[in-house]
Amino acid sequence: MDKSSNIGLIDRDKLLKIFDFLNQRLKENCLQLEITVYGGSIMTMVYDNRPATKDIDCVFSETNSKLLNNILDLTKFTFNLSDNWINEEIKEPLKSLLKEEKETYKVYSNLKILKPKAEQLLAMKVLAARPEPAKDFIDAYILCKDLNITTKTELLNIISDYIPLTLLGERQINFIKYLGKDLGYDWE
């Protein structure tokens, strides 16, 4: 078996170990950190619907960036993570949000992990609407089931709470139609 093919894949257990490790390093350095986690990481931790994610989509609170970078480098080495295991590219789509609603996922002594509410995460997944191998469709399906969304109107109301509907293009509209079809509804 080729061990290198598993490098960088992070399952739920490993994610929690990484956060525990980060907390210990933060504690040793007398640092407090708040991190908001999005995307596949949240789907892996909260909904446990995917075996692993390749990175952690997140935004960090303001802190001593030099010390934090050293801690992140140490974490990368310790857990044999890929170079881009921390993905702050989520900052770009966050600029499109009308509002952001976060809730606490887990609190450690020196690390607080926040996550977006399920409704916000669903709106972000629909906006992204990336083709496979991205998991946006599967994630949106699970979130719709979790939120008991049965009509296109319900979905559009949630999306419009977080994202201007003018941002929805042909890709997102087709995504919504197929999502409805997979859920067993006619969202034409």
C-alpha atoms as a PDB file:
ATOM      1  CA  MET A   1       0.000   0.000   0.000  1.00  0.00           C
ATOM      2  CA  ASP A   2       1.305   3.432  -0.936  1.00  0.00           C
ATOM      3  CA  LYS A   3       1.380   5.462   2.268  1.00  0.00           C
ATOM      4  CA  SER A   4       1.938   8.744   0.423  1.00  0.00           C
ATOM      5  CA  SER A   5      -1.571   8.588  -1.094  1.00  0.00           C
ATOM      6  CA  ASN A   6      -3.026   9.086   2.395  1.00  0.00           C
ATOM      7  CA  ILE A   7      -0.855  12.087   3.222  1.00  0.00           C
ATOM      8  CA  GLY A   8      -3.004  15.076   3.950  1.00  0.00           C
ATOM      9  CA  LEU A   9      -6.328  13.259   4.367  1.00  0.00           C
ATOM     10  CA  ILE A  10      -7.866  14.274   7.656  1.00  0.00           C
ATOM     11  CA  ASP A  11     -10.686  12.222   9.182  1.00  0.00           C
ATOM     12  CA  ARG A  12     -12.841  13.221  12.167  1.00  0.00           C
ATOM     13  CA  ASP A  13     -10.524  11.575  14.694  1.00  0.00           C
ATOM     14  CA  LYS A  14      -7.460  13.245  13.244  1.00  0.00           C
ATOM     15  CA  LEU A  15      -9.200  16.629  13.128  1.00  0.00           C
ATOM     16  CA  LEU A  16     -10.008  16.405  16.821  1.00  0.00           C
ATOM     17  CA  LYS A  17      -6.432  15.303  17.622  1.00  0.00           C
ATOM     18  CA  ILE A  18      -5.102  18.247  15.607  1.00  0.00           C
ATOM     19  CA  PHE A  19      -7.303  20.688  17.525  1.00  0.00           C
ATOM     20  CA  ASP A  20      -6.246  19.138  20.838  1.00  0.00           C
ATOM     21  CA  PHE A  21      -2.582  19.416  19.784  1.00  0.00           C
ATOM     22  CA  LEU A  22      -3.097  23.046  18.714  1.00  0.00           C
ATOM     23  CA  ASN A  23      -4.697  23.805  22.056  1.00  0.00           C
ATOM     24  CA  GLN A  24      -1.724  22.317  23.946  1.00  0.00           C
ATOM     25  CA  ARG A  25       0.787  24.358  21.901  1.00  0.00           C
ATOM     26  CA  LEU A  26      -1.291  27.515  22.385  1.00  0.00           C
ATOM     27  CA  LYS A  27      -1.412  26.845  26.127  1.00  0.00           C
ATOM     28  CA  GLU A  28       2.380  26.363  26.291  1.00  0.00           C
ATOM     29  CA  ASN A  29       2.788  29.729  24.563  1.00  0.00           C
ATOM     30  CA  CYS A  30       0.109  31.533  26.613  1.00  0.00           C
ATOM     31  CA  LEU A  31      -1.946  32.248  23.483  1.00  0.00           C
ATOM     32  CA  GLN A  32      -5.716  32.272  23.080  1.00  0.00           C
ATOM     33  CA  LEU A  33      -7.098  31.553  19.625  1.00  0.00           C
ATOM     34  CA  GLU A  34     -10.537  31.557  18.092  1.00  0.00           C
ATOM     35  CA  ILE A  35     -10.932  29.716  14.808  1.00  0.00           C
ATOM     36  CA  THR A  36     -14.013  29.505  12.592  1.00  0.00           C
ATOM     37  CA  VAL A  37     -14.127  26.299  10.584  1.00  0.00           C
ATOM     38  CA  TYR A  38     -16.091  25.916   7.344  1.00  0.00           C
ATOM     39  CA  GLY A  39     -16.646  23.467   4.502  1.00  0.00           C
ATOM     40  CA  GLY A  40     -15.567  19.853   4.480  1.00  0.00           C
ATOM     41  CA  SER A  41     -14.010  20.059   7.937  1.00  0.00           C
ATOM     42  CA  ILE A  42     -17.366  20.913   9.489  1.00  0.00           C
ATOM     43  CA  MET A  43     -19.146  18.267   7.423  1.00  0.00           C
ATOM     44  CA  THR A  44     -16.563  15.730   8.631  1.00  0.00           C
ATOM     45  CA  MET A  45     -16.751  16.749  12.308  1.00  0.00           C
ATOM     46  CA  VAL A  46     -20.416  17.648  12.783  1.00  0.00           C
ATOM     47  CA  TYR A  47     -22.298  15.619  10.202  1.00  0.00           C
ATOM     48  CA  ASP A  48     -19.684  12.853   9.967  1.00  0.00           C
ATOM     49  CA  ASN A  49     -20.835  12.164   6.411  1.00  0.00           C
ATOM     50  CA  ARG A  50     -17.461  12.013   4.752  1.00  0.00           C
ATOM     51  CA  PRO A  51     -14.548   9.890   5.817  1.00  0.00           C
ATOM     52  CA  ALA A  52     -12.012  12.665   5.420  1.00  0.00           C
ATOM     53  CA  THR A  53     -11.234  16.161   4.213  1.00  0.00           C
ATOM     54  CA  LYS A  54      -8.012  17.301   2.586  1.00  0.00           C
ATOM     55  CA  ASP A  55      -7.752  20.639   4.364  1.00  0.00           C
ATOM     56  CA  ILE A  56      -9.273  22.802   7.057  1.00  0.00           C
ATOM     57  CA  ASP A  57     -11.167  25.773   5.625  1.00  0.00           C
ATOM     58  CA  CYS A  58     -10.912  28.345   8.362  1.00  0.00           C
ATOM     59  CA  VAL A  59     -10.459  31.904   9.501  1.00  0.00           C
ATOM     60  CA  PHE A  60      -8.330  32.763  12.525  1.00  0.00           C
ATOM     61  CA  SER A  61      -8.909  35.524  15.032  1.00  0.00           C
ATOM     62  CA  GLU A  62      -6.192  38.132  15.364  1.00  0.00           C
ATOM     63  CA  THR A  63      -3.235  36.790  17.327  1.00  0.00           C
ATOM     64  CA  ASN A  64       0.558  36.690  17.330  1.00  0.00           C
ATOM     65  CA  SER A  65       0.919  35.514  13.721  1.00  0.00           C
ATOM     66  CA  LYS A  66       4.619  34.597  13.926  1.00  0.00           C
ATOM     67  CA  LEU A  67       4.044  32.370  16.945  1.00  0.00           C
ATOM     68  CA  LEU A  68       0.855  30.941  15.418  1.00  0.00           C
ATOM     69  CA  ASN A  69       2.690  30.122  12.156  1.00  0.00           C
ATOM     70  CA  ASN A  70       5.350  28.265  14.155  1.00  0.00           C
ATOM     71  CA  ILE A  71       2.613  26.281  15.932  1.00  0.00           C
ATOM     72  CA  LEU A  72       0.893  25.510  12.607  1.00  0.00           C
ATOM     73  CA  ASP A  73       4.227  24.363  11.101  1.00  0.00           C
ATOM     74  CA  LEU A  74       4.826  22.102  14.094  1.00  0.00           C
ATOM     75  CA  THR A  75       1.291  20.700  13.713  1.00  0.00           C
ATOM     76  CA  LYS A  76       1.856  20.065   9.995  1.00  0.00           C
ATOM     77  CA  PHE A  77       5.070  18.153  10.760  1.00  0.00           C
ATOM     78  CA  THR A  78       3.614  16.194  13.696  1.00  0.00           C
ATOM     79  CA  PHE A  79       0.537  15.018  11.797  1.00  0.00           C
ATOM     80  CA  ASN A  80       2.265  14.607   8.414  1.00  0.00           C
ATOM     81  CA  LEU A  81      -0.113  17.074   6.753  1.00  0.00           C
ATOM     82  CA  SER A  82       0.155  18.503   3.240  1.00  0.00           C
ATOM     83  CA  ASP A  83       1.530  22.006   2.691  1.00  0.00           C
ATOM     84  CA  ASN A  84      -1.913  23.501   2.170  1.00  0.00           C
ATOM     85  CA  TRP A  85      -3.632  21.818   5.121  1.00  0.00           C
ATOM     86  CA  ILE A  86      -4.834  25.214   6.356  1.00  0.00           C
ATOM     87  CA  ASN A  87      -6.981  26.911   3.741  1.00  0.00           C
ATOM     88  CA  GLU A  88      -7.854  30.537   4.359  1.00  0.00           C
ATOM     89  CA  GLU A  89      -9.228  30.986   0.823  1.00  0.00           C
ATOM     90  CA  ILE A  90     -12.679  30.854   2.431  1.00  0.00           C
ATOM     91  CA  LYS A  91     -12.196  34.572   3.184  1.00  0.00           C
ATOM     92  CA  GLU A  92     -13.066  35.415  -0.436  1.00  0.00           C
ATOM     93  CA  PRO A  93     -16.583  33.845  -0.544  1.00  0.00           C
ATOM     94  CA  LEU A  94     -17.265  35.217   2.951  1.00  0.00           C
ATOM     95  CA  LYS A  95     -17.172  38.704   1.410  1.00  0.00           C
ATOM     96  CA  SER A  96     -20.421  37.827  -0.421  1.00  0.00           C
ATOM     97  CA  LEU A  97     -22.321  37.096   2.791  1.00  0.00           C
ATOM     98  CA  LEU A  98     -25.062  39.480   3.888  1.00  0.00           C
ATOM     99  CA  LYS A  99     -24.558  38.274   7.459  1.00  0.00           C
ATOM    100  CA  GLU A 100     -22.581  35.636   9.248  1.00  0.00           C
ATOM    101  CA  GLU A 101     -24.067  33.537  12.019  1.00  0.00           C
ATOM    102  CA  LYS A 102     -21.618  31.454  13.999  1.00  0.00           C
ATOM    103  CA  GLU A 103     -22.097  29.092  16.872  1.00  0.00           C
ATOM    104  CA  THR A 104     -19.614  27.463  19.195  1.00  0.00           C
ATOM    105  CA  TYR A 105     -18.580  23.968  18.167  1.00  0.00           C
ATOM    106  CA  LYS A 106     -15.971  23.167  20.827  1.00  0.00           C
ATOM    107  CA  VAL A 107     -14.111  25.045  23.555  1.00  0.00           C
ATOM    108  CA  TYR A 108     -10.678  24.028  24.823  1.00  0.00           C
ATOM    109  CA  SER A 109      -8.618  25.872  27.425  1.00  0.00           C
ATOM    110  CA  ASN A 110      -6.851  28.063  24.833  1.00  0.00           C
ATOM    111  CA  LEU A 111      -8.728  27.309  21.631  1.00  0.00           C
ATOM    112  CA  LYS A 112     -12.317  28.071  20.723  1.00  0.00           C
ATOM    113  CA  ILE A 113     -13.736  26.512  17.549  1.00  0.00           C
ATOM    114  CA  LEU A 114     -16.721  28.185  15.917  1.00  0.00           C
ATOM    115  CA  LYS A 115     -18.772  26.998  12.969  1.00  0.00           C
ATOM    116  CA  PRO A 116     -21.377  28.656  10.780  1.00  0.00           C
ATOM    117  CA  LYS A 117     -25.014  27.800  11.425  1.00  0.00           C
ATOM    118  CA  ALA A 118     -26.273  25.000   9.161  1.00  0.00           C
ATOM    119  CA  GLU A 119     -28.411  27.468   7.178  1.00  0.00           C
ATOM    120  CA  GLN A 120     -25.385  29.641   6.405  1.00  0.00           C
ATOM    121  CA  LEU A 121     -23.310  26.608   5.456  1.00  0.00           C
ATOM    122  CA  LEU A 122     -26.084  25.480   3.095  1.00  0.00           C
ATOM    123  CA  ALA A 123     -26.231  28.912   1.435  1.00  0.00           C
ATOM    124  CA  MET A 124     -22.439  28.840   0.991  1.00  0.00           C
ATOM    125  CA  LYS A 125     -22.581  25.333  -0.522  1.00  0.00           C
ATOM    126  CA  VAL A 126     -25.233  26.421  -3.036  1.00  0.00           C
ATOM    127  CA  LEU A 127     -23.247  29.536  -3.947  1.00  0.00           C
ATOM    128  CA  ALA A 128     -20.087  27.453  -4.470  1.00  0.00           C
ATOM    129  CA  ALA A 129     -21.954  24.744  -6.452  1.00  0.00           C
ATOM    130  CA  ARG A 130     -18.645  23.234  -7.578  1.00  0.00           C
ATOM    131  CA  PRO A 131     -18.684  20.124  -9.767  1.00  0.00           C
ATOM    132  CA  GLU A 132     -17.396  16.765  -8.537  1.00  0.00           C
ATOM    133  CA  PRO A 133     -14.996  15.855  -6.993  1.00  0.00           C
ATOM    134  CA  ALA A 134     -16.033  18.755  -4.720  1.00  0.00           C
ATOM    135  CA  LYS A 135     -18.621  17.574  -2.203  1.00  0.00           C
ATOM    136  CA  ASP A 136     -20.901  20.641  -2.340  1.00  0.00           C
ATOM    137  CA  PHE A 137     -23.856  18.671  -3.740  1.00  0.00           C
ATOM    138  CA  ILE A 138     -23.638  15.856  -1.176  1.00  0.00           C
ATOM    139  CA  ASP A 139     -23.155  18.388   1.620  1.00  0.00           C
ATOM    140  CA  ALA A 140     -26.140  20.486   0.445  1.00  0.00           C
ATOM    141  CA  TYR A 141     -28.274  17.330   0.260  1.00  0.00           C
ATOM    142  CA  ILE A 142     -27.376  16.387   3.856  1.00  0.00           C
ATOM    143  CA  LEU A 143     -27.961  19.944   5.095  1.00  0.00           C
ATOM    144  CA  CYS A 144     -31.389  20.096   3.370  1.00  0.00           C
ATOM    145  CA  LYS A 145     -32.339  16.792   5.036  1.00  0.00           C
ATOM    146  CA  ASP A 146     -31.028  18.027   8.403  1.00  0.00           C
ATOM    147  CA  LEU A 147     -32.966  21.304   8.108  1.00  0.00           C
ATOM    148  CA  ASN A 148     -36.128  19.564   6.782  1.00  0.00           C
ATOM    149  CA  ILE A 149     -36.208  21.652   3.617  1.00  0.00           C
ATOM    150  CA  THR A 150     -38.874  20.310   1.272  1.00  0.00           C
ATOM    151  CA  THR A 151     -39.591  23.234  -1.070  1.00  0.00           C
ATOM    152  CA  LYS A 152     -37.557  25.423  -3.375  1.00  0.00           C
ATOM    153  CA  THR A 153     -39.116  28.459  -1.635  1.00  0.00           C
ATOM    154  CA  GLU A 154     -37.788  27.306   1.748  1.00  0.00           C
ATOM    155  CA  LEU A 155     -34.321  26.837   0.258  1.00  0.00           C
ATOM    156  CA  LEU A 156     -34.347  30.210  -1.523  1.00  0.00           C
ATOM    157  CA  ASN A 157     -35.521  31.949   1.679  1.00  0.00           C
ATOM    158  CA  ILE A 158     -32.551  30.485   3.552  1.00  0.00           C
ATOM    159  CA  ILE A 159     -30.126  31.381   0.769  1.00  0.00           C
ATOM    160  CA  SER A 160     -31.466  34.956   0.567  1.00  0.00           C
ATOM    161  CA  ASP A 161     -30.890  35.411   4.306  1.00  0.00           C
ATOM    162  CA  TYR A 162     -27.157  34.985   3.698  1.00  0.00           C
ATOM    163  CA  ILE A 163     -26.428  35.680   0.033  1.00  0.00           C
ATOM    164  CA  PRO A 164     -27.943  38.123  -2.473  1.00  0.00           C
ATOM    165  CA  LEU A 165     -30.006  36.012  -4.894  1.00  0.00           C
ATOM    166  CA  THR A 166     -28.492  38.097  -7.710  1.00  0.00           C
ATOM    167  CA  LEU A 167     -25.284  36.073  -7.196  1.00  0.00           C
ATOM    168  CA  LEU A 168     -27.064  32.887  -8.275  1.00  0.00           C
ATOM    169  CA  GLY A 169     -26.216  32.065 -11.868  1.00  0.00           C
ATOM    170  CA  GLU A 170     -27.006  29.188 -14.188  1.00  0.00           C
ATOM    171  CA  ARG A 171     -24.656  26.824 -12.303  1.00  0.00           C
ATOM    172  CA  GLN A 172     -26.396  27.477  -8.962  1.00  0.00           C
ATOM    173  CA  ILE A 173     -29.894  27.252 -10.485  1.00  0.00           C
ATOM    174  CA  ASN A 174     -29.103  23.857 -12.045  1.00  0.00           C
ATOM    175  CA  PHE A 175     -27.550  22.795  -8.735  1.00  0.00           C
ATOM    176  CA  ILE A 176     -30.811  23.684  -6.931  1.00  0.00           C
ATOM    177  CA  LYS A 177     -32.952  21.850  -9.516  1.00  0.00           C
ATOM    178  CA  TYR A 178     -30.840  18.674  -9.241  1.00  0.00           C
ATOM    179  CA  LEU A 179     -30.800  18.977  -5.462  1.00  0.00           C
ATOM    180  CA  GLY A 180     -34.602  19.046  -5.401  1.00  0.00           C
ATOM    181  CA  LYS A 181     -34.763  16.080  -7.766  1.00  0.00           C
ATOM    182  CA  ASP A 182     -32.367  14.029  -5.590  1.00  0.00           C
ATOM    183  CA  LEU A 183     -34.409  14.938  -2.499  1.00  0.00           C
ATOM    184  CA  GLY A 184     -37.541  13.688  -4.309  1.00  0.00           C
ATOM    185  CA  TYR A 185     -39.111  17.081  -5.094  1.00  0.00           C
ATOM    186  CA  ASP A 186     -39.811  19.009  -8.284  1.00  0.00           C
ATOM    187  CA  TRP A 187     -37.906  22.291  -7.910  1.00  0.00           C
ATOM    188  CA  GLU A 188     -38.168  23.373 -11.565  1.00  0.00           C
END
